[in-house]
């Protein structure tokens, strides 16, 4: 099985362009994946107590990271299709007529005209990185990701 894995450096390139980020770790995420009958037979092992077969995908299998990465990418597919324009509009909705000075810790956002879009969601095997320019946007994005993972 061949599934392209992301390089960690590519995932971390744009972190200097955001003010807030959150990393979610999918604890024991491989165990969510059911083993096929063939994979169950291939991964069986013998102990003094008898033959044991995995019902769920264990850590350490050669293709386990690629399988899990593909499942995670498919589960969160809708979050990958954010264009720069959509991201820019969502971030600036209702903020055009701001009269007060910008508070860096509340409103500080990168200048979207000068910087490339940060999509707000990246994953590397069982870790999901969520980025945003403001605390409220980060909370909203985290809620959306958790809802998607719950489904």
Protein backbone atom coordinates (compact mmCIF):
# COMPACT_ATOMS: atom_id res chain seq x y z
CA UNK A 1 0.00 0.00 0.00
CA UNK A 2 1.30 3.41 -0.94
CA UNK A 3 -0.17 6.57 0.55
CA UNK A 4 1.84 9.79 0.51
CA UNK A 5 2.79 10.86 4.00
CA UNK A 6 3.20 14.55 4.78
CA UNK A 7 6.64 15.79 5.69
CA UNK A 8 6.64 17.36 9.14
CA UNK A 9 8.64 20.37 7.88
CA UNK A 10 5.94 21.14 5.30
CA UNK A 11 3.31 21.09 8.03
CA UNK A 12 5.21 23.48 10.28
CA UNK A 13 6.25 26.03 7.62
CA UNK A 14 3.50 28.60 8.19
CA UNK A 15 3.28 28.53 12.00
CA UNK A 16 5.06 31.88 12.25
CA UNK A 17 2.12 33.49 10.42
CA UNK A 18 -0.51 32.70 13.06
CA UNK A 19 -0.95 33.80 16.65
CA UNK A 20 -2.89 30.82 18.01
CA UNK A 21 -2.57 27.11 17.46
CA UNK A 22 -3.85 23.95 19.07
CA UNK A 23 -2.62 20.39 18.65
CA UNK A 24 -5.04 17.51 19.17
CA UNK A 25 -3.62 14.04 19.76
CA UNK A 26 -5.85 11.14 18.79
CA UNK A 27 -5.03 8.84 21.73
CA UNK A 28 -4.63 5.22 20.60
CA UNK A 29 -6.01 6.23 17.22
CA UNK A 30 -4.77 3.13 15.42
CA UNK A 31 -7.08 1.00 17.55
CA UNK A 32 -10.08 2.63 15.88
CA UNK A 33 -9.26 0.79 12.64
CA UNK A 34 -10.72 -2.72 12.34
CA UNK A 35 -8.46 -5.40 10.88
CA UNK A 36 -9.55 -7.37 7.82
CA UNK A 37 -9.63 -11.16 8.05
CA UNK A 38 -6.46 -11.40 5.95
CA UNK A 39 -4.62 -8.79 8.03
CA UNK A 40 -5.79 -10.48 11.22
CA UNK A 41 -4.28 -13.80 10.07
CA UNK A 42 -1.01 -12.19 8.94
CA UNK A 43 -0.50 -10.25 12.19
CA UNK A 44 -1.31 -13.19 14.49
CA UNK A 45 1.28 -14.18 17.08
CA UNK A 46 1.85 -17.17 19.33
CA UNK A 47 2.43 -17.04 23.08
CA UNK A 48 2.56 -19.79 25.72
CA UNK A 49 -1.16 -19.11 26.19
CA UNK A 50 -2.04 -19.77 22.56
CA UNK A 51 -2.57 -17.99 19.23
CA UNK A 52 -3.67 -14.37 19.37
CA UNK A 53 -5.05 -12.28 16.51
CA UNK A 54 -5.50 -8.53 16.49
CA UNK A 55 -9.09 -7.31 16.08
CA UNK A 56 -7.94 -3.69 15.79
CA UNK A 57 -4.89 -2.29 14.01
CA UNK A 58 -1.92 -2.32 16.40
CA UNK A 59 0.95 0.13 16.50
CA UNK A 60 4.07 -1.10 14.77
CA UNK A 61 2.64 -2.59 11.59
CA UNK A 62 4.54 -1.45 8.51
CA UNK A 63 1.58 0.21 6.76
CA UNK A 64 -0.31 1.34 9.87
CA UNK A 65 0.74 5.02 9.64
CA UNK A 66 -0.29 5.29 5.97
CA UNK A 67 -3.63 3.56 6.60
CA UNK A 68 -4.42 5.78 9.57
CA UNK A 69 -3.29 8.96 7.76
CA UNK A 70 -5.58 8.12 4.83
CA UNK A 71 -8.55 7.50 7.15
CA UNK A 72 -7.93 10.74 9.04
CA UNK A 73 -7.56 12.72 5.80
CA UNK A 74 -10.83 11.23 4.51
CA UNK A 75 -12.65 11.96 7.78
CA UNK A 76 -11.56 15.60 7.77
CA UNK A 77 -11.66 16.06 3.97
CA UNK A 78 -14.11 18.98 4.04
CA UNK A 79 -11.70 21.05 6.11
CA UNK A 80 -8.98 20.81 3.46
CA UNK A 81 -11.03 22.53 0.77
CA UNK A 82 -10.71 26.08 2.11
CA UNK A 83 -9.60 28.65 -0.44
CA UNK A 84 -7.60 31.74 0.48
CA UNK A 85 -10.63 33.92 -0.34
CA UNK A 86 -12.95 31.85 1.90
CA UNK A 87 -10.43 31.93 4.74
CA UNK A 88 -9.96 35.69 4.36
CA UNK A 89 -13.74 36.36 4.29
CA UNK A 90 -14.37 34.20 7.34
CA UNK A 91 -11.66 35.93 9.33
CA UNK A 92 -12.78 39.44 8.46
CA UNK A 93 -16.56 39.01 8.55
CA UNK A 94 -18.07 41.93 10.40
CA UNK A 95 -14.70 43.48 11.27
CA UNK A 96 -14.41 46.06 8.47
CA UNK A 97 -15.68 48.96 10.56
CA UNK A 98 -13.48 48.41 13.60
CA UNK A 99 -13.00 51.72 15.48
CA UNK A 100 -10.92 50.64 18.47
CA UNK A 101 -7.17 49.93 18.34
CA UNK A 102 -6.14 46.35 17.67
CA UNK A 103 -5.37 44.32 20.79
CA UNK A 104 -2.69 41.84 19.72
CA UNK A 105 -3.85 39.15 22.13
CA UNK A 106 -7.50 39.47 21.13
CA UNK A 107 -7.58 40.53 17.48
CA UNK A 108 -4.05 40.18 16.17
CA UNK A 109 -4.21 38.51 12.79
CA UNK A 110 -1.64 38.21 10.04
CA UNK A 111 -2.14 40.50 7.04
CA UNK A 112 -3.80 38.12 4.58
CA UNK A 113 -2.76 40.21 1.59
CA UNK A 114 0.92 39.76 2.42
CA UNK A 115 0.90 36.22 3.76
CA UNK A 116 -0.29 32.97 2.24
CA UNK A 117 -3.42 31.40 3.65
CA UNK A 118 -3.06 29.14 6.64
CA UNK A 119 -5.76 26.53 6.21
CA UNK A 120 -6.51 26.05 9.89
CA UNK A 121 -6.16 22.29 9.88
CA UNK A 122 -3.26 19.95 9.26
CA UNK A 123 -2.67 16.40 10.38
CA UNK A 124 0.33 14.18 10.82
CA UNK A 125 -0.62 10.60 11.60
CA UNK A 126 -2.54 10.94 14.89
CA UNK A 127 -1.92 14.64 15.55
CA UNK A 128 -4.17 17.39 14.22
CA UNK A 129 -2.79 20.93 14.16
CA UNK A 130 -5.39 23.71 14.14
CA UNK A 131 -4.33 27.32 13.58
CA UNK A 132 -6.13 30.66 13.70
CA UNK A 133 -5.46 34.36 13.88
CA UNK A 134 -7.71 35.00 16.89
CA UNK A 135 -8.76 33.11 20.01
CA UNK A 136 -12.44 33.07 19.00
CA UNK A 137 -11.62 31.68 15.55
CA UNK A 138 -9.43 28.99 17.12
CA UNK A 139 -12.23 27.93 19.49
CA UNK A 140 -14.68 27.78 16.60
CA UNK A 141 -12.31 25.69 14.47
CA UNK A 142 -11.54 23.31 17.34
CA UNK A 143 -15.28 22.79 17.91
CA UNK A 144 -15.79 22.02 14.21
CA UNK A 145 -12.92 19.51 14.18
CA UNK A 146 -14.14 17.78 17.32
CA UNK A 147 -17.64 17.51 15.83
CA UNK A 148 -16.15 16.00 12.65
CA UNK A 149 -14.12 13.50 14.67
CA UNK A 150 -17.20 12.61 16.70
CA UNK A 151 -19.07 11.69 13.51
